[in-house]
C-alpha cells in the first residue's frame, strides 16, 4: 500500500509542477520571454497568504483572494516598469537579464521582510481525506483537492485558449506578433 501512497502523493506534487510549468510555457510561447521571476511571484503570493492568514487568525480564504489581487497587480506593474520598455531592445538578453534582476529583487525583499527562517501555517483544506483497504491506504484531503483543482485549472485554461476571443488572440500573437 505504501507504493500507492507514494504514487498519489507524486501525482499531487506533479500537478503543482504542471501548473507552474504551464505558466512558464504560456509566457514563453506568447511573449517569447523566459521569465525567471515566475516562481518568485508564486513565493510572493504564498507570503501574502501567510501574512493575511496570520493577521486574521487563520482565515486562509481571504488570504488567497488578497494574494490573487496583489500578485496580479505586481505582475502588471512589473510588465509595465521592467519588461515592456525592453521589448524593442537590440539584444533579447536585456529582457532575460531584467527577469533575473526582478527575481533577485523579489527574493531579497522577502528575505528582508520575513527573514530566512522556515514559516508554516495551517492548511486551507480541513478535510481529513479518505481511507481504503481498512485504513491501510489513506489519501489526505489536501492531496485530493490539489489534484482536482489542478485538473480544473488545466481544463478551464484549455477552454479559455480554444473557445474565447482573447484566447484565440493569444494563440495568434504566439504565431505572429
Protein backbone atom coordinates (compact mmCIF):
# COMPACT_ATOMS: atom_id res chain seq x y z
CA UNK A 1 0.00 0.00 0.00
CA UNK A 2 2.91 2.37 0.54
CA UNK A 3 3.62 2.32 -3.22
CA UNK A 4 0.09 3.63 -3.89
CA UNK A 5 0.53 6.30 -1.23
CA UNK A 6 3.77 7.45 -2.86
CA UNK A 7 2.14 7.36 -6.29
CA UNK A 8 -0.79 9.50 -5.19
CA UNK A 9 1.46 11.98 -3.37
CA UNK A 10 3.63 12.11 -6.50
CA UNK A 11 0.57 12.91 -8.60
CA UNK A 12 -0.28 15.72 -6.20
CA UNK A 13 3.19 17.24 -6.38
CA UNK A 14 3.34 16.65 -10.13
CA UNK A 15 0.07 18.50 -10.62
CA UNK A 16 1.55 21.53 -8.86
CA UNK A 17 4.62 21.31 -11.10
CA UNK A 18 2.33 21.07 -14.13
CA UNK A 19 0.57 24.32 -13.23
CA UNK A 20 3.90 26.10 -12.71
CA UNK A 21 5.27 24.71 -15.99
CA UNK A 22 2.11 25.78 -17.77
CA UNK A 23 2.72 29.35 -16.59
CA UNK A 24 6.31 29.27 -17.87
CA UNK A 25 5.15 27.78 -21.18
CA UNK A 26 2.44 30.37 -21.71
CA UNK A 27 4.78 33.30 -21.04
CA UNK A 28 7.47 31.88 -23.31
CA UNK A 29 5.03 30.76 -26.00
CA UNK A 30 3.28 34.11 -26.27
CA UNK A 31 5.89 36.70 -25.27
CA UNK A 32 8.99 34.67 -26.29
CA UNK A 33 10.46 35.55 -22.91
CA UNK A 34 11.90 33.34 -20.18
CA UNK A 35 10.51 34.86 -17.00
CA UNK A 36 12.86 33.73 -14.27
CA UNK A 37 10.77 35.67 -11.76
CA UNK A 38 7.77 33.37 -12.33
CA UNK A 39 8.49 31.26 -9.25
CA UNK A 40 9.14 34.38 -7.21
CA UNK A 41 5.67 35.68 -7.98
CA UNK A 42 4.37 32.40 -6.54
CA UNK A 43 6.56 32.97 -3.47
CA UNK A 44 5.10 36.47 -3.06
CA UNK A 45 1.60 35.01 -3.24
CA UNK A 46 2.45 32.46 -0.55
CA UNK A 47 3.85 35.11 1.75
CA UNK A 48 0.76 37.25 1.21
CA UNK A 49 -1.47 34.31 2.16
CA UNK A 50 0.76 33.66 5.18
CA UNK A 51 0.61 37.31 6.33
CA UNK A 52 -3.11 37.80 5.80
CA UNK A 53 -3.93 34.46 7.43
CA UNK A 54 -1.81 35.34 10.46
CA UNK A 55 -3.43 38.78 10.73
CA UNK A 56 -6.94 37.31 10.50
CA UNK A 57 -6.30 34.38 12.87
CA UNK A 58 -6.09 31.69 10.22
CA UNK A 59 -8.60 32.87 7.59
CA UNK A 60 -6.81 31.49 4.53
CA UNK A 61 -9.65 32.11 2.06
CA UNK A 62 -9.36 35.87 2.46
CA UNK A 63 -5.58 35.49 2.18
CA UNK A 64 -5.94 33.65 -1.12
CA UNK A 65 -8.23 36.33 -2.55
CA UNK A 66 -5.89 39.12 -1.42
CA UNK A 67 -2.89 37.21 -2.85
CA UNK A 68 -4.59 36.81 -6.23
CA UNK A 69 -5.35 40.54 -6.40
CA UNK A 70 -1.92 41.71 -5.21
CA UNK A 71 0.04 39.25 -7.36
CA UNK A 72 -1.96 40.33 -10.40
CA UNK A 73 -1.15 43.97 -9.65
CA UNK A 74 2.51 43.08 -9.07
CA UNK A 75 2.67 41.20 -12.37
CA UNK A 76 1.06 44.02 -14.34
CA UNK A 77 3.31 46.61 -12.67
CA UNK A 78 6.42 44.52 -13.38
CA UNK A 79 5.37 44.20 -17.02
CA UNK A 80 4.95 47.97 -17.41
CA UNK A 81 8.02 49.02 -15.42
CA UNK A 82 10.60 46.33 -16.17
CA UNK A 83 9.70 44.30 -19.25
CA UNK A 84 7.72 46.50 -21.65
CA UNK A 85 10.42 49.18 -22.06
CA UNK A 86 12.84 46.46 -23.17
CA UNK A 87 10.63 44.70 -25.73
CA UNK A 88 12.30 46.51 -28.63
CA UNK A 89 15.82 46.30 -27.20
CA UNK A 90 18.66 45.47 -29.55
CA UNK A 91 19.51 42.32 -27.63
CA UNK A 92 16.94 39.79 -26.41
CA UNK A 93 19.25 39.23 -23.45
CA UNK A 94 18.14 42.56 -21.99
CA UNK A 95 14.72 41.18 -21.03
CA UNK A 96 16.29 37.95 -19.77
CA UNK A 97 18.72 39.83 -17.52
CA UNK A 98 15.89 42.05 -16.30
CA UNK A 99 13.84 38.96 -15.41
CA UNK A 100 16.75 37.66 -13.36
CA UNK A 101 17.01 41.07 -11.69
CA UNK A 102 13.30 41.08 -10.85
CA UNK A 103 13.72 37.60 -9.41
CA UNK A 104 16.59 38.70 -7.16
CA UNK A 105 14.68 41.83 -6.13
CA UNK A 106 11.59 39.86 -5.05
CA UNK A 107 13.67 37.25 -3.23
CA UNK A 108 15.68 39.83 -1.31
CA UNK A 109 12.63 41.88 -0.37
CA UNK A 110 11.07 38.70 1.02
CA UNK A 111 14.29 37.98 2.94
CA UNK A 112 14.27 41.48 4.41
CA UNK A 113 10.62 41.26 5.48
CA UNK A 114 10.34 37.63 6.59
CA UNK A 115 13.91 36.52 7.21
CA UNK A 116 15.36 33.14 6.28
CA UNK A 117 13.60 31.06 8.94
CA UNK A 118 11.06 28.42 7.94
CA UNK A 119 7.46 29.64 8.02
CA UNK A 120 4.43 27.41 8.28
CA UNK A 121 0.72 27.93 8.50
CA UNK A 122 -2.32 25.76 8.75
CA UNK A 123 -3.69 24.12 5.64
CA UNK A 124 -6.52 25.74 3.73
CA UNK A 125 -8.09 22.30 3.38
CA UNK A 126 -9.56 20.95 6.62
CA UNK A 127 -10.88 17.72 5.12
CA UNK A 128 -9.29 14.57 6.55
CA UNK A 129 -9.44 12.69 3.26
CA UNK A 130 -10.48 9.12 2.55
CA UNK A 131 -9.24 5.70 3.64
CA UNK A 132 -9.23 2.47 1.69
CA UNK A 133 -8.36 -1.15 2.49
CA UNK A 134 -9.30 -0.89 6.13
CA UNK A 135 -7.25 2.25 6.70
CA UNK A 136 -4.05 0.93 5.14
CA UNK A 137 -4.34 3.40 2.25
CA UNK A 138 -5.16 6.92 3.39
CA UNK A 139 -5.35 9.80 0.93
CA UNK A 140 -5.15 13.20 2.57
CA UNK A 141 -7.81 15.77 1.72
CA UNK A 142 -5.21 18.32 0.62
CA UNK A 143 -3.79 15.76 -1.83
CA UNK A 144 -7.18 15.11 -3.42
CA UNK A 145 -8.06 18.80 -3.61
CA UNK A 146 -4.66 19.67 -5.11
CA UNK A 147 -5.07 17.14 -7.90
CA UNK A 148 -8.70 18.13 -8.60
CA UNK A 149 -8.00 21.87 -8.59
CA UNK A 150 -5.02 21.38 -10.91
CA UNK A 151 -7.13 19.36 -13.35
CA UNK A 152 -9.88 22.01 -13.25
CA UNK A 153 -7.32 24.78 -13.89
CA UNK A 154 -5.88 22.87 -16.86
CA UNK A 155 -9.35 22.26 -18.35
CA UNK A 156 -10.51 25.86 -17.84
CA UNK A 157 -7.30 27.21 -19.36
CA UNK A 158 -7.66 24.88 -22.34
CA UNK A 159 -11.24 26.04 -22.87
CA UNK A 160 -10.20 29.68 -22.46
CA UNK A 161 -7.44 29.38 -25.07
CA UNK A 162 -9.52 27.46 -27.61
CA UNK A 163 -13.02 28.92 -27.13
CA UNK A 164 -12.64 32.63 -26.32
CA UNK A 165 -11.68 35.59 -28.44
CA UNK A 166 -8.90 36.57 -26.01
CA UNK A 167 -7.51 33.03 -26.09
CA UNK A 168 -7.52 32.98 -29.87
CA UNK A 169 -5.72 36.34 -29.84
CA UNK A 170 -3.07 34.86 -27.55
CA UNK A 171 -2.60 31.95 -29.94
CA UNK A 172 -2.36 34.32 -32.87
CA UNK A 173 0.19 36.50 -31.04
CA UNK A 174 2.31 33.46 -30.30
CA UNK A 175 2.39 32.64 -34.02
CA UNK A 176 2.98 36.17 -35.33
CA UNK A 177 3.29 39.34 -33.29
